[in-house]
C-alpha atoms as a PDB file:
ATOM      1  CA  ARG A   1      63.986 100.167  96.833  1.00  0.00           C
ATOM      2  CA  SER A   2      66.871 100.646  94.445  1.00  0.00           C
ATOM      3  CA  SER A   3      69.776  98.258  94.270  1.00  0.00           C
ATOM      4  CA  LEU A   4      73.029  97.288  92.557  1.00  0.00           C
ATOM      5  CA  LEU A   5      73.692  93.594  92.319  1.00  0.00           C
ATOM      6  CA  TYR A   6      76.840  91.785  91.368  1.00  0.00           C
ATOM      7  CA  GLN A   7      77.010  88.017  90.889  1.00  0.00           C
ATOM      8  CA  GLN A   8      80.012  85.941  90.165  1.00  0.00           C
ATOM      9  CA  LYS A   9      79.681  82.078  90.319  1.00  0.00           C
ATOM     10  CA  GLU A  10      78.788  81.269  93.959  1.00  0.00           C
ATOM     11  CA  VAL A  11      78.961  84.824  95.352  1.00  0.00           C
ATOM     12  CA  THR A  12      76.232  87.561  95.154  1.00  0.00           C
ATOM     13  CA  CYS A  13      76.840  91.050  96.503  1.00  0.00           C
ATOM     14  CA  GLU A  14      74.049  93.654  96.774  1.00  0.00           C
ATOM     15  CA  PHE A  15      74.019  97.355  97.772  1.00  0.00           C
ATOM     16  CA  PHE A  16      70.543  98.690  98.180  1.00  0.00           C
ATOM     17  CA  VAL A  17      68.717 101.842  99.284  1.00  0.00           C
ATOM     18  CA  LEU A  18      65.281 101.804 101.021  1.00  0.00           C
ATOM     19  CA  PHE A  19      63.381 105.051 100.797  1.00  0.00           C
ATOM     20  CA  ASN A  20      60.054 106.297 102.205  1.00  0.00           C
ATOM     21  CA  GLY A  21      58.755 109.763 101.148  1.00  0.00           C
ATOM     22  CA  THR A  22      57.137 112.370 103.387  1.00  0.00           C
ATOM     23  CA  LYS A  23      53.566 111.784 104.492  1.00  0.00           C
ATOM     24  CA  ARG A  24      51.642 115.050 105.169  1.00  0.00           C
ATOM     25  CA  ILE A  25      49.245 115.318 108.078  1.00  0.00           C
ATOM     26  CA  ALA A  26      46.444 116.048 105.530  1.00  0.00           C
ATOM     27  CA  ASP A  27      46.977 112.587 104.129  1.00  0.00           C
ATOM     28  CA  PHE A  28      46.683 110.792 107.450  1.00  0.00           C
ATOM     29  CA  ASN A  29      43.519 108.706 108.077  1.00  0.00           C
ATOM     30  CA  PRO A  30      42.020 110.066 111.310  1.00  0.00           C
ATOM     31  CA  ASP A  31      40.265 106.834 111.976  1.00  0.00           C
ATOM     32  CA  GLY A  32      43.101 104.598 110.792  1.00  0.00           C
ATOM     33  CA  GLU A  33      46.339 103.205 111.827  1.00  0.00           C
ATOM     34  CA  ASP A  34      48.613 106.183 110.815  1.00  0.00           C
ATOM     35  CA  ASN A  35      49.669 106.878 114.503  1.00  0.00           C
ATOM     36  CA  GLY A  36      49.521 110.668 114.233  1.00  0.00           C
ATOM     37  CA  GLN A  37      50.929 111.058 117.681  1.00  0.00           C
ATOM     38  CA  TYR A  38      54.407 110.158 116.408  1.00  0.00           C
ATOM     39  CA  ALA A  39      54.234 112.682 113.616  1.00  0.00           C
ATOM     40  CA  THR A  40      55.822 116.172 113.482  1.00  0.00           C
ATOM     41  CA  PRO A  41      53.487 119.173 112.797  1.00  0.00           C
ATOM     42  CA  ASP A  42      54.197 118.686 109.164  1.00  0.00           C
ATOM     43  CA  GLY A  43      53.594 114.912 109.159  1.00  0.00           C
ATOM     44  CA  MET A  44      55.952 111.939 108.923  1.00  0.00           C
ATOM     45  CA  PRO A  45      59.388 112.950 107.517  1.00  0.00           C
ATOM     46  CA  SER A  46      60.986 110.982 104.652  1.00  0.00           C
ATOM     47  CA  TRP A  47      63.834 108.606 105.402  1.00  0.00           C
ATOM     48  CA  TYR A  48      66.237 106.349 103.698  1.00  0.00           C
ATOM     49  CA  THR A  49      68.669 103.579 104.744  1.00  0.00           C
ATOM     50  CA  LEU A  50      71.869 102.250 102.955  1.00  0.00           C
ATOM     51  CA  ASN A  51      72.340  98.509 103.142  1.00  0.00           C
ATOM     52  CA  ILE A  52      74.730  95.812 101.936  1.00  0.00           C
ATOM     53  CA  ARG A  53      74.510  92.076 101.698  1.00  0.00           C
ATOM     54  CA  THR A  54      76.635  89.325 100.405  1.00  0.00           C
ATOM     55  CA  GLU A  55      75.736  85.620  99.876  1.00  0.00           C
ATOM     56  CA  TYR A  56      78.042  82.601  99.269  1.00  0.00           C
ATOM     57  CA  ARG A  57      76.656  79.342  98.074  1.00  0.00           C
ATOM     58  CA  LEU A  58      78.511  76.802 100.205  1.00  0.00           C
ATOM     59  CA  SER A  59      77.198  73.691  98.371  1.00  0.00           C
ATOM     60  CA  LYS A  60      73.931  72.561  96.794  1.00  0.00           C
ATOM     61  CA  GLY A  61      71.113  73.718  99.088  1.00  0.00           C
ATOM     62  CA  PHE A  62      73.381  75.609 101.585  1.00  0.00           C
ATOM     63  CA  THR A  63      74.094  79.319 101.590  1.00  0.00           C
ATOM     64  CA  LEU A  64      75.944  81.759 103.928  1.00  0.00           C
ATOM     65  CA  GLN A  65      74.673  85.301 103.952  1.00  0.00           C
ATOM     66  CA  ALA A  66      75.979  88.233 105.845  1.00  0.00           C
ATOM     67  CA  GLY A  67      75.084  91.891 105.759  1.00  0.00           C
ATOM     68  CA  LEU A  68      74.844  95.274 107.275  1.00  0.00           C
ATOM     69  CA  GLU A  69      71.542  97.162 107.255  1.00  0.00           C
ATOM     70  CA  ASN A  70      71.068 100.865 107.997  1.00  0.00           C
ATOM     71  CA  LEU A  71      74.782 101.675 107.476  1.00  0.00           C
ATOM     72  CA  LEU A  72      74.321 105.292 108.616  1.00  0.00           C
ATOM     73  CA  ASP A  73      72.396 104.251 111.820  1.00  0.00           C
ATOM     74  CA  ARG A  74      69.356 106.430 110.942  1.00  0.00           C
ATOM     75  CA  ASN A  75      66.507 106.732 113.349  1.00  0.00           C
ATOM     76  CA  TYR A  76      63.309 106.243 111.301  1.00  0.00           C
ATOM     77  CA  ARG A  77      59.786 104.897 111.728  1.00  0.00           C
ATOM     78  CA  TYR A  78      57.620 103.067 109.224  1.00  0.00           C
ATOM     79  CA  PHE A  79      54.263 104.722 108.576  1.00  0.00           C
ATOM     80  CA  ALA A  80      51.452 103.306 110.773  1.00  0.00           C
ATOM     81  CA  SER A  81      53.978 101.874 113.184  1.00  0.00           C
ATOM     82  CA  GLY A  82      54.257 102.694 116.857  1.00  0.00           C
ATOM     83  CA  PHE A  83      57.870 101.640 117.005  1.00  0.00           C
ATOM     84  CA  SER A  84      61.106 103.015 115.600  1.00  0.00           C
ATOM     85  CA  ALA A  85      62.970 100.665 113.358  1.00  0.00           C
ATOM     86  CA  PRO A  86      66.164  99.160 114.636  1.00  0.00           C
ATOM     87  CA  GLY A  87      69.433 101.030 114.287  1.00  0.00           C
ATOM     88  CA  ARG A  88      72.395  99.573 112.457  1.00  0.00           C
ATOM     89  CA  THR A  89      72.011  95.791 112.159  1.00  0.00           C
ATOM     90  CA  ILE A  90      74.682  93.225 111.462  1.00  0.00           C
ATOM     91  CA  PHE A  91      73.591  89.725 110.588  1.00  0.00           C
ATOM     92  CA  VAL A  92      74.951  86.349 109.478  1.00  0.00           C
ATOM     93  CA  THR A  93      72.775  83.520 108.226  1.00  0.00           C
ATOM     94  CA  ILE A  94      73.218  80.000 107.178  1.00  0.00           C
ATOM     95  CA  ARG A  95      70.372  78.653 105.139  1.00  0.00           C
ATOM     96  CA  GLN A  96      69.446  75.198 103.867  1.00  0.00           C
ATOM     97  CA  ASN A  97      66.999  74.772 101.039  1.00  0.00           C
ATOM     98  CA  PHE A  98      65.465  71.381 100.426  1.00  0.00           C
END
């Protein structure tokens, strides 16, 4: 994960990249959880996603967060997972800390 972060008083903005490198078939655990049935003949391909988030502190203990994950709508799968990750995701969150 690599990110750029900007903060100004109550506002925080973040742009970040998530990256997973290639995993070769030779590196798979034959008795483990690598789910080789989802691999290509060369293994699991690398992938990356571009993401952006912003957060605004509404008051003491309350924050509003919004973001867009997987901006390019890439199809990818975490290693050892039987499910593809979700496509582009938009979210809005209100959080209270106490």
